[in-house]
Each structure stands twice: as structure tokens, then as C-alpha cells.
């Protein structure tokens, strides 16, 4: 992954669900999985975004049956 090359990042992801900056996705993963930037630098953008989706699912509160 090339850090700091925002045009590269923007070209590889679709508009909408992607973070504005690659650093935002990396921050989400660092908070959720406690991964260092060195670990994430080895990932492709699509892999990074896939893991970000996993992180988002983990951080959403789940509704318990019978509770609203």
C-alpha cells in the first residue's frame, strides 16, 4: 500500500462506504483489532477495507431478543 497517495486510494474504492482517507480506515482497525500501522501497510486497499467492514460489524451494538 502506498501511504500518502490519496489519488491511488480514491481510484481503487467506490464512492460511498469508503473512508475519505486511508488513515481513517487504519485508525478504525487500530482501535478495534489493536493492529500497528506496520501490519496494515502490508495490506492491499481492498483487504484493508474488508477488515474495516469486519471492525464496523464488531463495533455495532447487537439487539438482544425481546429488547427494543
N, C-alpha and C. Protein backbone atom coordinates (compact mmCIF):
# COMPACT_ATOMS: atom_id res chain seq x y z
N UNK A 1 0.85 -1.17 0.00
CA UNK A 1 0.00 0.00 0.00
C UNK A 1 0.89 1.23 0.00
N UNK A 2 0.55 2.17 -0.81
CA UNK A 2 1.31 3.42 -0.85
C UNK A 2 0.65 4.43 0.06
N UNK A 3 1.33 4.83 1.11
CA UNK A 3 0.78 5.80 2.06
C UNK A 3 0.94 7.20 1.50
N UNK A 4 -0.05 8.01 1.71
CA UNK A 4 0.02 9.40 1.30
C UNK A 4 -0.41 9.65 -0.14
N UNK A 5 -0.65 8.59 -0.90
CA UNK A 5 -1.07 8.74 -2.29
C UNK A 5 -2.58 8.63 -2.35
N UNK A 6 -3.28 9.72 -2.03
CA UNK A 6 -4.72 9.69 -1.91
C UNK A 6 -5.43 9.45 -3.24
N UNK A 7 -4.84 9.83 -4.35
CA UNK A 7 -5.47 9.55 -5.64
C UNK A 7 -5.49 8.06 -5.91
N UNK A 8 -4.43 7.36 -5.57
CA UNK A 8 -4.39 5.91 -5.72
C UNK A 8 -5.51 5.28 -4.92
N UNK A 9 -5.67 5.71 -3.67
CA UNK A 9 -6.71 5.18 -2.80
C UNK A 9 -8.09 5.46 -3.39
N UNK A 10 -8.32 6.66 -3.82
CA UNK A 10 -9.64 7.04 -4.35
C UNK A 10 -9.97 6.26 -5.61
N UNK A 11 -8.97 5.95 -6.42
CA UNK A 11 -9.21 5.23 -7.66
C UNK A 11 -9.57 3.77 -7.42
N UNK A 12 -9.13 3.21 -6.30
CA UNK A 12 -9.35 1.79 -6.05
C UNK A 12 -10.64 1.47 -5.32
N UNK A 13 -11.30 2.46 -4.74
CA UNK A 13 -12.53 2.21 -3.99
C UNK A 13 -13.69 2.97 -4.61
N UNK A 14 -14.88 2.44 -4.40
CA UNK A 14 -16.09 3.11 -4.91
C UNK A 14 -16.51 4.20 -3.93
N UNK A 15 -17.20 5.17 -4.45
CA UNK A 15 -17.72 6.24 -3.58
C UNK A 15 -18.79 5.67 -2.67
N UNK A 16 -18.94 6.29 -1.52
CA UNK A 16 -19.99 5.86 -0.61
C UNK A 16 -19.44 5.34 0.69
N UNK A 17 -19.24 4.01 0.78
CA UNK A 17 -18.86 3.38 2.02
C UNK A 17 -17.41 3.51 2.41
N UNK A 18 -16.58 3.99 1.53
CA UNK A 18 -15.15 4.09 1.81
C UNK A 18 -14.84 5.34 2.63
N UNK A 19 -13.84 5.24 3.50
CA UNK A 19 -13.44 6.43 4.25
C UNK A 19 -12.79 7.45 3.33
N UNK A 20 -12.79 8.68 3.73
CA UNK A 20 -12.19 9.74 2.92
C UNK A 20 -10.68 9.57 2.79
N UNK A 21 -10.05 9.16 3.87
CA UNK A 21 -8.60 9.00 3.88
C UNK A 21 -8.25 7.57 4.30
N UNK A 22 -7.19 7.04 3.76
CA UNK A 22 -6.74 5.70 4.13
C UNK A 22 -6.42 5.65 5.63
N UNK A 23 -5.95 6.76 6.17
CA UNK A 23 -5.62 6.80 7.59
C UNK A 23 -6.85 6.60 8.47
N UNK A 24 -8.03 7.00 7.99
CA UNK A 24 -9.26 6.78 8.75
C UNK A 24 -9.55 5.28 8.88
N UNK A 25 -9.39 4.55 7.79
CA UNK A 25 -9.60 3.10 7.83
C UNK A 25 -8.57 2.45 8.75
N UNK A 26 -7.32 2.90 8.66
CA UNK A 26 -6.27 2.35 9.50
C UNK A 26 -6.54 2.63 10.98
N UNK A 27 -7.06 3.81 11.29
CA UNK A 27 -7.38 4.15 12.68
C UNK A 27 -8.49 3.26 13.21
N UNK A 28 -9.50 2.99 12.39
CA UNK A 28 -10.59 2.10 12.80
C UNK A 28 -10.05 0.71 13.15
N UNK A 29 -9.14 0.20 12.33
CA UNK A 29 -8.58 -1.12 12.57
C UNK A 29 -7.66 -1.13 13.79
N UNK A 30 -6.93 -0.06 13.97
CA UNK A 30 -6.04 0.03 15.14
C UNK A 30 -6.85 0.01 16.43
N UNK A 31 -7.97 0.72 16.44
CA UNK A 31 -8.83 0.78 17.63
C UNK A 31 -9.49 -0.57 17.89
N UNK A 32 -10.00 -1.20 16.85
CA UNK A 32 -10.76 -2.44 17.01
C UNK A 32 -9.86 -3.65 17.25
N UNK A 33 -8.82 -3.80 16.43
CA UNK A 33 -8.00 -5.01 16.48
C UNK A 33 -6.62 -4.79 17.10
N UNK A 34 -6.30 -3.54 17.44
CA UNK A 34 -5.00 -3.19 18.04
C UNK A 34 -3.83 -3.51 17.10
N UNK A 35 -4.05 -3.28 15.81
CA UNK A 35 -3.00 -3.50 14.82
C UNK A 35 -2.16 -2.24 14.66
N UNK A 36 -0.88 -2.44 14.45
CA UNK A 36 0.02 -1.31 14.24
C UNK A 36 -0.01 -0.88 12.77
N UNK A 37 0.41 0.34 12.49
CA UNK A 37 0.49 0.78 11.09
C UNK A 37 1.39 -0.14 10.25
N UNK A 38 2.45 -0.67 10.84
CA UNK A 38 3.36 -1.55 10.09
C UNK A 38 2.63 -2.79 9.58
N UNK A 39 1.72 -3.33 10.37
CA UNK A 39 0.94 -4.50 9.95
C UNK A 39 0.02 -4.13 8.79
N UNK A 40 -0.65 -2.99 8.90
CA UNK A 40 -1.62 -2.58 7.89
C UNK A 40 -0.97 -2.10 6.60
N UNK A 41 0.26 -1.62 6.68
CA UNK A 41 0.97 -1.17 5.48
C UNK A 41 1.17 -2.31 4.47
N UNK A 42 1.18 -3.53 4.95
CA UNK A 42 1.37 -4.69 4.08
C UNK A 42 0.10 -5.10 3.35
N UNK A 43 -1.04 -4.54 3.73
CA UNK A 43 -2.34 -4.92 3.15
C UNK A 43 -2.65 -4.12 1.89
N UNK A 44 -3.39 -4.74 0.99
CA UNK A 44 -3.91 -4.01 -0.16
C UNK A 44 -5.07 -3.15 0.32
N UNK A 45 -5.48 -2.20 -0.49
CA UNK A 45 -6.60 -1.34 -0.12
C UNK A 45 -7.87 -2.17 0.05
N UNK A 46 -8.12 -3.11 -0.85
CA UNK A 46 -9.34 -3.92 -0.73
C UNK A 46 -9.31 -4.79 0.52
N UNK A 47 -8.14 -5.33 0.88
CA UNK A 47 -8.03 -6.11 2.11
C UNK A 47 -8.27 -5.23 3.33
N UNK A 48 -7.68 -4.05 3.31
CA UNK A 48 -7.85 -3.10 4.41
C UNK A 48 -9.33 -2.74 4.59
N UNK A 49 -10.02 -2.49 3.50
CA UNK A 49 -11.44 -2.14 3.58
C UNK A 49 -12.30 -3.32 4.02
N UNK A 50 -11.89 -4.53 3.62
CA UNK A 50 -12.60 -5.72 4.08
C UNK A 50 -12.51 -5.88 5.58
N UNK A 51 -11.30 -5.69 6.11
CA UNK A 51 -11.12 -5.76 7.56
C UNK A 51 -11.84 -4.62 8.26
N UNK A 52 -11.90 -3.46 7.61
CA UNK A 52 -12.63 -2.33 8.21
C UNK A 52 -14.10 -2.67 8.35
N UNK A 53 -14.67 -3.38 7.38
CA UNK A 53 -16.06 -3.80 7.46
C UNK A 53 -16.26 -4.76 8.64
N UNK A 54 -15.32 -5.68 8.83
CA UNK A 54 -15.38 -6.58 9.99
C UNK A 54 -15.36 -5.75 11.29
N UNK A 55 -14.50 -4.76 11.33
CA UNK A 55 -14.39 -3.90 12.52
C UNK A 55 -15.70 -3.16 12.76
N UNK A 56 -16.33 -2.67 11.70
CA UNK A 56 -17.59 -1.94 11.84
C UNK A 56 -18.68 -2.85 12.39
N UNK A 57 -18.73 -4.09 11.91
CA UNK A 57 -19.73 -5.04 12.42
C UNK A 57 -19.50 -5.34 13.90
N UNK A 58 -18.26 -5.45 14.30
CA UNK A 58 -17.95 -5.74 15.71
C UNK A 58 -18.32 -4.57 16.62
N UNK A 59 -18.25 -3.36 16.11
CA UNK A 59 -18.49 -2.20 16.95
C UNK A 59 -19.96 -1.82 17.03
N UNK A 60 -20.81 -2.39 16.18
CA UNK A 60 -22.25 -2.10 16.23
C UNK A 60 -22.88 -2.87 17.38
N UNK A 61 -23.68 -2.19 18.17
CA UNK A 61 -24.37 -2.92 19.25
C UNK A 61 -25.39 -3.90 18.66
N UNK A 62 -25.46 -5.07 19.23
CA UNK A 62 -26.44 -6.05 18.76
C UNK A 62 -27.67 -5.97 19.64
N UNK A 63 -28.80 -6.08 19.02
CA UNK A 63 -30.06 -6.03 19.75
C UNK A 63 -30.37 -7.41 20.31
N UNK A 64 -30.67 -7.48 21.58
CA UNK A 64 -30.99 -8.74 22.23
C UNK A 64 -32.45 -9.08 21.96
N UNK A 65 -32.76 -10.36 21.78
CA UNK A 65 -34.15 -10.77 21.52
C UNK A 65 -35.06 -10.29 22.65
N UNK A 66 -36.20 -9.75 22.28
CA UNK A 66 -37.17 -9.29 23.26
C UNK A 66 -36.91 -7.88 23.79
N UNK A 67 -35.80 -7.28 23.44
CA UNK A 67 -35.46 -5.91 23.90
C UNK A 67 -35.62 -4.95 22.74
N UNK A 68 -36.16 -3.79 23.01
CA UNK A 68 -36.27 -2.75 21.96
C UNK A 68 -35.99 -1.42 22.53
